[in-house]
Amino acid sequence: MSDKLLTIGMATYDDYDGVFFSIQALRMYHDICNTDQVELIVLDNNPEGKHSDAVQNIVKTAKGKYIPYKEKASSFNKYLITNYSEGKYVLIIDCHVLLVQNAIDVLIDYYNKNPNCKNLIQGPLLYGDLKTVSTHFDPVFRGDMYGIWATNKEAYEKGEPFEIPMQGMGCLSFEREFWPGINERFIGFGAEEGYIAEKFRLNGGKNICIPQLKWMHRFGRPAGVKFPLALEDRVWNYFIGWLEIHKDPEHQMIKDIYNHFKDKLPKGRIDTIFKKAIDGDNNWR
């Protein structure tokens, strides 16, 4: 049995800068990350790319675990961290996320007070002004996704953990034993928000926000995103995920997905995607 208390992992695709600052901030501002209780893992989704040597070097400097992975390019590869982790608890962050001081200590304290924890643990998104936060997503379709940033100001200001419907997935934690897994048919990027929270609920847990587990996410990408972003992939993922949850093509959630996106895709495309999702195909293309 591993003596690691916590695994902190991230996946990257040609984002050395993000990996560098996330890892070094963990080591500089969270003392526990410099102990044997914590292991750091970086899964490199483009291990033959221009960033890979630098990524590997910073992981080595941090005495972390470097995992080259090129089976498929997808933002969902970050959840594979669980497969390689040795910690009793797992904290997955995007490779361009910074955690506020004491965030990890508060997280560990929560687990100590909640043994055999079946909950999905998250925290508020902290914006660039270092004051404004979003504690959760409201479960509403808008734009190209399901979920709208929102804040439960009253619960946040009380400073105690509280239940939320869903949250952005740039920072999430759970007890490894109770990880419910993620659908292997997901492709590309996006749509797991809400879906993963619901899987924890189906397994007897809750989606919990810890106010002190604040995380800042680098949204700006002036050099562009290095991996493909296709709306069709996201729609496919919504169908795949929520069909897994509800097992009913006529469920209202499935209808809401269809109706929200039907006019955002080329004519007839959503019907092709929907049919392939129902038929058990591994790709909508």
C-alpha atoms as a PDB file:
ATOM      1  CA  MET A   1       0.000   0.000   0.000  1.00  0.00           C
ATOM      2  CA  SER A   2       1.329   3.429  -0.952  1.00  0.00           C
ATOM      3  CA  ASP A   3       2.284   5.866   1.775  1.00  0.00           C
ATOM      4  CA  LYS A   4       1.414   8.818  -0.449  1.00  0.00           C
ATOM      5  CA  LEU A   5      -1.344  10.978   0.968  1.00  0.00           C
ATOM      6  CA  LEU A   6      -2.068  13.104  -2.083  1.00  0.00           C
ATOM      7  CA  THR A   7      -1.440  12.922  -5.802  1.00  0.00           C
ATOM      8  CA  ILE A   8      -1.484  16.261  -7.637  1.00  0.00           C
ATOM      9  CA  GLY A   9      -1.641  15.774 -11.377  1.00  0.00           C
ATOM     10  CA  MET A  10      -2.100  17.673 -14.600  1.00  0.00           C
ATOM     11  CA  ALA A  11      -2.053  16.948 -18.323  1.00  0.00           C
ATOM     12  CA  THR A  12      -0.430  19.151 -20.933  1.00  0.00           C
ATOM     13  CA  TYR A  13      -0.269  19.587 -24.681  1.00  0.00           C
ATOM     14  CA  ASP A  14       2.508  21.980 -25.720  1.00  0.00           C
ATOM     15  CA  ASP A  15       2.084  24.221 -22.687  1.00  0.00           C
ATOM     16  CA  TYR A  16       5.447  24.267 -20.929  1.00  0.00           C
ATOM     17  CA  ASP A  17       4.834  27.739 -19.488  1.00  0.00           C
ATOM     18  CA  GLY A  18       1.642  26.604 -17.813  1.00  0.00           C
ATOM     19  CA  VAL A  19       3.257  23.470 -16.402  1.00  0.00           C
ATOM     20  CA  PHE A  20       6.264  25.433 -15.146  1.00  0.00           C
ATOM     21  CA  PHE A  21       4.282  28.019 -13.219  1.00  0.00           C
ATOM     22  CA  SER A  22       1.732  25.544 -11.848  1.00  0.00           C
ATOM     23  CA  ILE A  23       4.416  23.172 -10.551  1.00  0.00           C
ATOM     24  CA  GLN A  24       6.693  25.845  -9.164  1.00  0.00           C
ATOM     25  CA  ALA A  25       3.812  27.630  -7.444  1.00  0.00           C
ATOM     26  CA  LEU A  26       2.848  24.353  -5.773  1.00  0.00           C
ATOM     27  CA  ARG A  27       6.408  23.889  -4.535  1.00  0.00           C
ATOM     28  CA  MET A  28       6.927  27.512  -3.453  1.00  0.00           C
ATOM     29  CA  TYR A  29       3.627  28.214  -1.700  1.00  0.00           C
ATOM     30  CA  HIS A  30       2.438  24.821  -0.429  1.00  0.00           C
ATOM     31  CA  ASP A  31       4.982  23.244   1.917  1.00  0.00           C
ATOM     32  CA  ILE A  32       3.337  19.828   1.840  1.00  0.00           C
ATOM     33  CA  CYS A  33       4.256  19.558  -1.855  1.00  0.00           C
ATOM     34  CA  ASN A  34       7.905  19.330  -0.822  1.00  0.00           C
ATOM     35  CA  THR A  35       7.320  16.292   1.374  1.00  0.00           C
ATOM     36  CA  ASP A  36       7.027  12.578   0.665  1.00  0.00           C
ATOM     37  CA  GLN A  37       3.298  12.808   1.347  1.00  0.00           C
ATOM     38  CA  VAL A  38       2.650  14.314  -2.066  1.00  0.00           C
ATOM     39  CA  GLU A  39       3.467  13.061  -5.542  1.00  0.00           C
ATOM     40  CA  LEU A  40       3.356  15.279  -8.618  1.00  0.00           C
ATOM     41  CA  ILE A  41       2.358  13.817 -11.987  1.00  0.00           C
ATOM     42  CA  VAL A  42       2.406  15.430 -15.421  1.00  0.00           C
ATOM     43  CA  LEU A  43       0.882  13.579 -18.349  1.00  0.00           C
ATOM     44  CA  ASP A  44       2.356  14.906 -21.596  1.00  0.00           C
ATOM     45  CA  ASN A  45      -0.124  14.518 -24.439  1.00  0.00           C
ATOM     46  CA  ASN A  46       2.428  15.525 -27.068  1.00  0.00           C
ATOM     47  CA  PRO A  47       5.650  13.886 -25.844  1.00  0.00           C
ATOM     48  CA  GLU A  48       7.337  14.361 -29.215  1.00  0.00           C
ATOM     49  CA  GLY A  49       6.500  18.067 -29.420  1.00  0.00           C
ATOM     50  CA  LYS A  50       8.732  21.115 -28.997  1.00  0.00           C
ATOM     51  CA  HIS A  51       7.694  21.581 -25.361  1.00  0.00           C
ATOM     52  CA  SER A  52       8.256  18.028 -24.210  1.00  0.00           C
ATOM     53  CA  ASP A  53      11.942  18.238 -23.219  1.00  0.00           C
ATOM     54  CA  ALA A  54      11.336  21.342 -21.139  1.00  0.00           C
ATOM     55  CA  VAL A  55       8.255  19.791 -19.541  1.00  0.00           C
ATOM     56  CA  GLN A  56      10.187  16.654 -18.714  1.00  0.00           C
ATOM     57  CA  ASN A  57      13.009  18.683 -17.174  1.00  0.00           C
ATOM     58  CA  ILE A  58      10.776  20.688 -14.847  1.00  0.00           C
ATOM     59  CA  VAL A  59       8.991  17.520 -13.740  1.00  0.00           C
ATOM     60  CA  LYS A  60      12.364  15.923 -13.016  1.00  0.00           C
ATOM     61  CA  THR A  61      13.451  19.012 -11.071  1.00  0.00           C
ATOM     62  CA  ALA A  62      10.309  18.731  -8.968  1.00  0.00           C
ATOM     63  CA  LYS A  63      10.959  14.988  -8.445  1.00  0.00           C
ATOM     64  CA  GLY A  64       7.647  14.274 -10.092  1.00  0.00           C
ATOM     65  CA  LYS A  65       6.400  11.560 -12.394  1.00  0.00           C
ATOM     66  CA  TYR A  66       6.428  12.272 -16.150  1.00  0.00           C
ATOM     67  CA  ILE A  67       3.969  10.245 -18.238  1.00  0.00           C
ATOM     68  CA  PRO A  68       4.304  10.404 -22.051  1.00  0.00           C
ATOM     69  CA  TYR A  69       0.905   9.701 -23.618  1.00  0.00           C
ATOM     70  CA  LYS A  70       0.054   9.933 -27.312  1.00  0.00           C
ATOM     71  CA  GLU A  71      -2.717   7.370 -27.775  1.00  0.00           C
ATOM     72  CA  LYS A  72      -5.191  10.168 -28.433  1.00  0.00           C
ATOM     73  CA  ALA A  73      -5.239  13.957 -28.062  1.00  0.00           C
ATOM     74  CA  SER A  74      -7.970  15.066 -25.699  1.00  0.00           C
ATOM     75  CA  SER A  75      -8.538  17.303 -22.710  1.00  0.00           C
ATOM     76  CA  PHE A  76      -9.996  14.258 -20.975  1.00  0.00           C
ATOM     77  CA  ASN A  77      -6.546  12.728 -20.673  1.00  0.00           C
ATOM     78  CA  LYS A  78      -6.089  14.630 -17.416  1.00  0.00           C
ATOM     79  CA  TYR A  79      -8.446  12.149 -15.760  1.00  0.00           C
ATOM     80  CA  LEU A  80      -5.984   9.373 -16.601  1.00  0.00           C
ATOM     81  CA  ILE A  81      -3.888  10.810 -13.761  1.00  0.00           C
ATOM     82  CA  THR A  82      -5.982   8.598 -11.494  1.00  0.00           C
ATOM     83  CA  ASN A  83      -4.654   5.479 -13.240  1.00  0.00           C
ATOM     84  CA  TYR A  84      -1.061   6.443 -12.463  1.00  0.00           C
ATOM     85  CA  SER A  85      -1.582   7.887  -8.993  1.00  0.00           C
ATOM     86  CA  GLU A  86      -0.469   6.365  -5.699  1.00  0.00           C
ATOM     87  CA  GLY A  87      -2.059   8.889  -3.344  1.00  0.00           C
ATOM     88  CA  LYS A  88      -5.053   8.115  -1.190  1.00  0.00           C
ATOM     89  CA  TYR A  89      -6.500  11.374  -2.472  1.00  0.00           C
ATOM     90  CA  VAL A  90      -6.192  12.889  -5.930  1.00  0.00           C
ATOM     91  CA  LEU A  91      -6.150  16.557  -6.930  1.00  0.00           C
ATOM     92  CA  ILE A  92      -6.332  17.217 -10.668  1.00  0.00           C
ATOM     93  CA  ILE A  93      -5.684  20.719 -11.973  1.00  0.00           C
ATOM     94  CA  ASP A  94      -5.299  22.145 -15.433  1.00  0.00           C
ATOM     95  CA  CYS A  95      -1.651  22.740 -16.269  1.00  0.00           C
ATOM     96  CA  HIS A  96      -2.209  26.506 -16.052  1.00  0.00           C
ATOM     97  CA  VAL A  97      -3.949  26.727 -12.682  1.00  0.00           C
ATOM     98  CA  LEU A  98      -2.614  28.352  -9.508  1.00  0.00           C
ATOM     99  CA  LEU A  99      -3.910  27.536  -6.028  1.00  0.00           C
ATOM    100  CA  VAL A 100      -4.100  30.137  -3.275  1.00  0.00           C
ATOM    101  CA  GLN A 101      -1.970  29.661  -0.160  1.00  0.00           C
ATOM    102  CA  ASN A 102      -3.305  27.122   2.367  1.00  0.00           C
ATOM    103  CA  ALA A 103      -5.678  25.632  -0.225  1.00  0.00           C
ATOM    104  CA  ILE A 104      -4.090  22.192  -0.064  1.00  0.00           C
ATOM    105  CA  ASP A 105      -3.895  22.237   3.740  1.00  0.00           C
ATOM    106  CA  VAL A 106      -7.607  23.018   3.916  1.00  0.00           C
ATOM    107  CA  LEU A 107      -8.346  20.227   1.430  1.00  0.00           C
ATOM    108  CA  ILE A 108      -6.430  17.670   3.495  1.00  0.00           C
ATOM    109  CA  ASP A 109      -8.172  18.885   6.646  1.00  0.00           C
ATOM    110  CA  TYR A 110     -11.530  18.310   4.950  1.00  0.00           C
ATOM    111  CA  TYR A 111     -10.576  14.732   4.113  1.00  0.00           C
ATOM    112  CA  ASN A 112      -9.374  14.134   7.670  1.00  0.00           C
ATOM    113  CA  LYS A 113     -12.790  15.224   8.926  1.00  0.00           C
ATOM    114  CA  ASN A 114     -14.654  13.192   6.267  1.00  0.00           C
ATOM    115  CA  PRO A 115     -13.164   9.682   6.092  1.00  0.00           C
ATOM    116  CA  ASN A 116     -14.264   7.382   3.263  1.00  0.00           C
ATOM    117  CA  CYS A 117     -15.280  10.465   1.333  1.00  0.00           C
ATOM    118  CA  LYS A 118     -17.484   9.811  -1.699  1.00  0.00           C
ATOM    119  CA  ASN A 119     -17.759  13.489  -2.599  1.00  0.00           C
ATOM    120  CA  LEU A 120     -16.352  15.419  -5.530  1.00  0.00           C
ATOM    121  CA  ILE A 121     -14.453  18.325  -3.977  1.00  0.00           C
ATOM    122  CA  GLN A 122     -13.955  21.630  -5.771  1.00  0.00           C
ATOM    123  CA  GLY A 123     -13.432  25.279  -4.945  1.00  0.00           C
ATOM    124  CA  PRO A 124     -14.248  28.756  -6.194  1.00  0.00           C
ATOM    125  CA  LEU A 125     -12.694  30.090  -9.367  1.00  0.00           C
ATOM    126  CA  LEU A 126     -10.684  33.208  -8.455  1.00  0.00           C
ATOM    127  CA  TYR A 127     -10.553  35.979 -11.035  1.00  0.00           C
ATOM    128  CA  GLY A 128      -7.669  38.255 -11.929  1.00  0.00           C
ATOM    129  CA  ASP A 129      -8.643  40.994  -9.468  1.00  0.00           C
ATOM    130  CA  LEU A 130      -7.940  38.476  -6.660  1.00  0.00           C
ATOM    131  CA  LYS A 131     -11.350  39.268  -5.151  1.00  0.00           C
ATOM    132  CA  THR A 132     -14.148  38.111  -7.430  1.00  0.00           C
ATOM    133  CA  VAL A 133     -15.065  34.414  -7.357  1.00  0.00           C
ATOM    134  CA  SER A 134     -17.450  31.979  -9.001  1.00  0.00           C
ATOM    135  CA  THR A 135     -18.375  29.183  -6.624  1.00  0.00           C
ATOM    136  CA  HIS A 136     -20.192  26.968  -9.131  1.00  0.00           C
ATOM    137  CA  PHE A 137     -21.942  26.566 -12.465  1.00  0.00           C
ATOM    138  CA  ASP A 138     -25.686  27.040 -12.663  1.00  0.00           C
ATOM    139  CA  PRO A 139     -26.972  24.028 -14.653  1.00  0.00           C
ATOM    140  CA  VAL A 140     -28.263  25.984 -17.643  1.00  0.00           C
ATOM    141  CA  PHE A 141     -27.495  25.816 -21.372  1.00  0.00           C
ATOM    142  CA  ARG A 142     -26.051  29.028 -22.772  1.00  0.00           C
ATOM    143  CA  GLY A 143     -23.785  29.719 -25.708  1.00  0.00           C
ATOM    144  CA  ASP A 144     -21.859  26.598 -26.634  1.00  0.00           C
ATOM    145  CA  MET A 145     -22.014  24.825 -23.304  1.00  0.00           C
ATOM    146  CA  TYR A 146     -23.999  23.592 -20.337  1.00  0.00           C
ATOM    147  CA  GLY A 147     -23.281  25.646 -17.254  1.00  0.00           C
ATOM    148  CA  ILE A 148     -23.025  29.335 -16.369  1.00  0.00           C
ATOM    149  CA  TRP A 149     -20.534  30.723 -13.849  1.00  0.00           C
ATOM    150  CA  ALA A 150     -22.375  31.782 -10.687  1.00  0.00           C
ATOM    151  CA  THR A 151     -21.702  32.620  -7.031  1.00  0.00           C
ATOM    152  CA  ASN A 152     -23.450  31.581  -3.846  1.00  0.00           C
ATOM    153  CA  LYS A 153     -22.238  34.640  -1.966  1.00  0.00           C
ATOM    154  CA  GLU A 154     -23.932  33.777   1.326  1.00  0.00           C
ATOM    155  CA  ALA A 155     -22.502  30.256   1.515  1.00  0.00           C
ATOM    156  CA  TYR A 156     -19.069  31.386   0.336  1.00  0.00           C
ATOM    157  CA  GLU A 157     -18.809  34.080   3.000  1.00  0.00           C
ATOM    158  CA  LYS A 158     -19.677  31.618   5.774  1.00  0.00           C
ATOM    159  CA  GLY A 159     -16.402  29.876   4.962  1.00  0.00           C
ATOM    160  CA  GLU A 160     -17.724  26.337   5.444  1.00  0.00           C
ATOM    161  CA  PRO A 161     -17.933  23.618   2.748  1.00  0.00           C
ATOM    162  CA  PHE A 162     -21.265  23.644   0.944  1.00  0.00           C
ATOM    163  CA  GLU A 163     -23.001  21.665  -1.770  1.00  0.00           C
ATOM    164  CA  ILE A 164     -23.072  22.903  -5.368  1.00  0.00           C
ATOM    165  CA  PRO A 165     -24.733  21.549  -8.532  1.00  0.00           C
ATOM    166  CA  MET A 166     -21.578  21.602 -10.688  1.00  0.00           C
ATOM    167  CA  GLN A 167     -18.369  23.575 -11.287  1.00  0.00           C
ATOM    168  CA  GLY A 168     -15.714  24.135 -13.919  1.00  0.00           C
ATOM    169  CA  MET A 169     -13.246  21.262 -14.065  1.00  0.00           C
ATOM    170  CA  GLY A 170      -9.951  23.136 -13.878  1.00  0.00           C
ATOM    171  CA  CYS A 171      -9.588  21.968 -10.269  1.00  0.00           C
ATOM    172  CA  LEU A 172     -11.166  18.894  -8.716  1.00  0.00           C
ATOM    173  CA  SER A 173     -10.335  16.430  -5.978  1.00  0.00           C
ATOM    174  CA  PHE A 174     -11.625  13.114  -4.694  1.00  0.00           C
ATOM    175  CA  GLU A 175     -10.663  10.048  -2.705  1.00  0.00           C
ATOM    176  CA  ARG A 176      -9.099   7.759  -5.296  1.00  0.00           C
ATOM    177  CA  GLU A 177     -11.052   4.703  -4.160  1.00  0.00           C
ATOM    178  CA  PHE A 178     -14.314   6.427  -5.088  1.00  0.00           C
ATOM    179  CA  TRP A 179     -13.404   7.824  -8.519  1.00  0.00           C
ATOM    180  CA  PRO A 180     -16.392   6.829 -10.713  1.00  0.00           C
ATOM    181  CA  GLY A 181     -14.480   6.961 -13.993  1.00  0.00           C
ATOM    182  CA  ILE A 182     -15.213   8.860 -17.170  1.00  0.00           C
ATOM    183  CA  ASN A 183     -16.735   7.676 -20.419  1.00  0.00           C
ATOM    184  CA  GLU A 184     -14.056   6.322 -22.761  1.00  0.00           C
ATOM    185  CA  ARG A 185     -16.052   7.479 -25.788  1.00  0.00           C
ATOM    186  CA  PHE A 186     -15.483  11.160 -24.992  1.00  0.00           C
ATOM    187  CA  ILE A 187     -13.369  12.927 -27.587  1.00  0.00           C
ATOM    188  CA  GLY A 188     -11.829  16.359 -28.059  1.00  0.00           C
ATOM    189  CA  PHE A 189     -12.663  18.948 -25.434  1.00  0.00           C
ATOM    190  CA  GLY A 190     -15.460  19.796 -23.045  1.00  0.00           C
ATOM    191  CA  ALA A 191     -18.869  18.703 -21.710  1.00  0.00           C
ATOM    192  CA  GLU A 192     -17.798  16.802 -18.590  1.00  0.00           C
ATOM    193  CA  GLU A 193     -18.952  19.595 -16.264  1.00  0.00           C
ATOM    194  CA  GLY A 194     -22.065  18.374 -14.512  1.00  0.00           C
ATOM    195  CA  TYR A 195     -21.658  14.864 -15.877  1.00  0.00           C
ATOM    196  CA  ILE A 196     -18.843  13.974 -13.463  1.00  0.00           C
ATOM    197  CA  ALA A 197     -20.661  15.629 -10.562  1.00  0.00           C
ATOM    198  CA  GLU A 198     -23.735  13.553 -11.368  1.00  0.00           C
ATOM    199  CA  LYS A 199     -21.689  10.339 -11.392  1.00  0.00           C
ATOM    200  CA  PHE A 200     -20.462  11.122  -7.891  1.00  0.00           C
ATOM    201  CA  ARG A 201     -24.048  11.715  -6.802  1.00  0.00           C
ATOM    202  CA  LEU A 202     -25.151   8.402  -8.302  1.00  0.00           C
ATOM    203  CA  ASN A 203     -22.429   6.744  -6.215  1.00  0.00           C
ATOM    204  CA  GLY A 204     -23.755   8.280  -3.004  1.00  0.00           C
ATOM    205  CA  GLY A 205     -21.644  11.444  -2.918  1.00  0.00           C
ATOM    206  CA  LYS A 206     -22.138  15.172  -3.365  1.00  0.00           C
ATOM    207  CA  ASN A 207     -20.407  17.957  -5.256  1.00  0.00           C
ATOM    208  CA  ILE A 208     -18.846  20.109  -2.522  1.00  0.00           C
ATOM    209  CA  CYS A 209     -17.295  23.567  -2.754  1.00  0.00           C
ATOM    210  CA  ILE A 210     -14.642  24.420  -0.156  1.00  0.00           C
ATOM    211  CA  PRO A 211     -14.430  28.240  -0.047  1.00  0.00           C
ATOM    212  CA  GLN A 212     -10.692  28.249   0.758  1.00  0.00           C
ATOM    213  CA  LEU A 213      -9.820  25.955  -2.173  1.00  0.00           C
ATOM    214  CA  LYS A 214      -9.618  28.900  -4.555  1.00  0.00           C
ATOM    215  CA  TRP A 215      -7.978  28.414  -7.929  1.00  0.00           C
ATOM    216  CA  MET A 216      -6.977  30.819 -10.671  1.00  0.00           C
ATOM    217  CA  HIS A 217      -7.182  29.655 -14.262  1.00  0.00           C
ATOM    218  CA  ARG A 218      -5.254  31.165 -17.153  1.00  0.00           C
ATOM    219  CA  PHE A 219      -7.944  31.635 -19.790  1.00  0.00           C
ATOM    220  CA  GLY A 220      -5.923  33.819 -22.159  1.00  0.00           C
ATOM    221  CA  ARG A 221      -4.021  31.999 -24.901  1.00  0.00           C
ATOM    222  CA  PRO A 222      -2.454  34.696 -27.149  1.00  0.00           C
ATOM    223  CA  ALA A 223      -0.432  32.044 -28.994  1.00  0.00           C
ATOM    224  CA  GLY A 224      -3.580  30.043 -29.666  1.00  0.00           C
ATOM    225  CA  VAL A 225      -4.704  26.616 -28.528  1.00  0.00           C
ATOM    226  CA  LYS A 226      -2.486  23.803 -29.822  1.00  0.00           C
ATOM    227  CA  PHE A 227      -5.153  21.102 -29.908  1.00  0.00           C
ATOM    228  CA  PRO A 228      -8.345  21.002 -32.035  1.00  0.00           C
ATOM    229  CA  LEU A 229     -11.566  22.473 -30.620  1.00  0.00           C
ATOM    230  CA  ALA A 230     -14.664  21.298 -32.476  1.00  0.00           C
ATOM    231  CA  LEU A 231     -18.194  22.099 -31.348  1.00  0.00           C
ATOM    232  CA  GLU A 232     -19.329  18.776 -32.806  1.00  0.00           C
ATOM    233  CA  ASP A 233     -17.011  16.982 -30.376  1.00  0.00           C
ATOM    234  CA  ARG A 234     -18.579  18.792 -27.450  1.00  0.00           C
ATOM    235  CA  VAL A 235     -22.114  18.004 -28.589  1.00  0.00           C
ATOM    236  CA  TRP A 236     -21.096  14.366 -29.036  1.00  0.00           C
ATOM    237  CA  ASN A 237     -19.735  14.338 -25.490  1.00  0.00           C
ATOM    238  CA  TYR A 238     -22.934  15.800 -24.085  1.00  0.00           C
ATOM    239  CA  PHE A 239     -24.966  13.067 -25.745  1.00  0.00           C
ATOM    240  CA  ILE A 240     -22.534  10.316 -24.722  1.00  0.00           C
ATOM    241  CA  GLY A 241     -22.266  11.441 -21.115  1.00  0.00           C
ATOM    242  CA  TRP A 242     -25.911  12.051 -20.393  1.00  0.00           C
ATOM    243  CA  LEU A 243     -27.054   8.933 -22.252  1.00  0.00           C
ATOM    244  CA  GLU A 244     -24.719   7.041 -19.922  1.00  0.00           C
ATOM    245  CA  ILE A 245     -26.337   8.751 -16.929  1.00  0.00           C
ATOM    246  CA  HIS A 246     -29.995   8.485 -17.938  1.00  0.00           C
ATOM    247  CA  LYS A 247     -29.958   5.557 -20.406  1.00  0.00           C
ATOM    248  CA  ASP A 248     -32.952   7.061 -22.174  1.00  0.00           C
ATOM    249  CA  PRO A 249     -32.813   8.926 -25.534  1.00  0.00           C
ATOM    250  CA  GLU A 250     -36.166  10.498 -24.645  1.00  0.00           C
ATOM    251  CA  HIS A 251     -34.977  11.944 -21.319  1.00  0.00           C
ATOM    252  CA  GLN A 252     -35.522  15.694 -21.004  1.00  0.00           C
ATOM    253  CA  MET A 253     -31.802  16.342 -20.629  1.00  0.00           C
ATOM    254  CA  ILE A 254     -31.128  14.628 -23.961  1.00  0.00           C
ATOM    255  CA  LYS A 255     -33.891  16.658 -25.581  1.00  0.00           C
ATOM    256  CA  ASP A 256     -32.432  19.853 -24.125  1.00  0.00           C
ATOM    257  CA  ILE A 257     -29.021  19.036 -25.607  1.00  0.00           C
ATOM    258  CA  TYR A 258     -30.560  18.391 -29.006  1.00  0.00           C
ATOM    259  CA  ASN A 259     -32.722  21.516 -29.015  1.00  0.00           C
ATOM    260  CA  HIS A 260     -29.937  23.798 -27.784  1.00  0.00           C
ATOM    261  CA  PHE A 261     -27.376  22.748 -30.370  1.00  0.00           C
ATOM    262  CA  LYS A 262     -29.465  21.801 -33.407  1.00  0.00           C
ATOM    263  CA  ASP A 263     -29.202  25.253 -34.981  1.00  0.00           C
ATOM    264  CA  LYS A 264     -25.548  25.738 -34.045  1.00  0.00           C
ATOM    265  CA  LEU A 265     -24.317  22.940 -36.322  1.00  0.00           C
ATOM    266  CA  PRO A 266     -24.556  22.454 -40.091  1.00  0.00           C
ATOM    267  CA  LYS A 267     -27.944  21.144 -41.217  1.00  0.00           C
ATOM    268  CA  GLY A 268     -28.455  17.499 -40.365  1.00  0.00           C
ATOM    269  CA  ARG A 269     -25.200  17.171 -38.420  1.00  0.00           C
ATOM    270  CA  ILE A 270     -26.802  16.874 -35.015  1.00  0.00           C
ATOM    271  CA  ASP A 271     -28.988  13.983 -36.194  1.00  0.00           C
ATOM    272  CA  THR A 272     -25.891  12.129 -37.400  1.00  0.00           C
ATOM    273  CA  ILE A 273     -24.130  12.733 -34.088  1.00  0.00           C
ATOM    274  CA  PHE A 274     -27.169  11.710 -32.052  1.00  0.00           C
ATOM    275  CA  LYS A 275     -27.716   8.498 -34.013  1.00  0.00           C
ATOM    276  CA  LYS A 276     -24.080   7.444 -33.731  1.00  0.00           C
ATOM    277  CA  ALA A 277     -24.127   8.182 -29.993  1.00  0.00           C
ATOM    278  CA  ILE A 278     -27.176   5.947 -29.535  1.00  0.00           C
ATOM    279  CA  ASP A 279     -25.790   3.213 -31.810  1.00  0.00           C
ATOM    280  CA  GLY A 280     -22.647   2.838 -29.723  1.00  0.00           C
ATOM    281  CA  ASP A 281     -20.150   4.242 -32.206  1.00  0.00           C
ATOM    282  CA  ASN A 282     -16.865   5.574 -30.796  1.00  0.00           C
ATOM    283  CA  ASN A 283     -16.816   8.688 -32.949  1.00  0.00           C
ATOM    284  CA  TRP A 284     -19.365  10.933 -34.600  1.00  0.00           C
ATOM    285  CA  ARG A 285     -17.219  11.545 -37.677  1.00  0.00           C
END
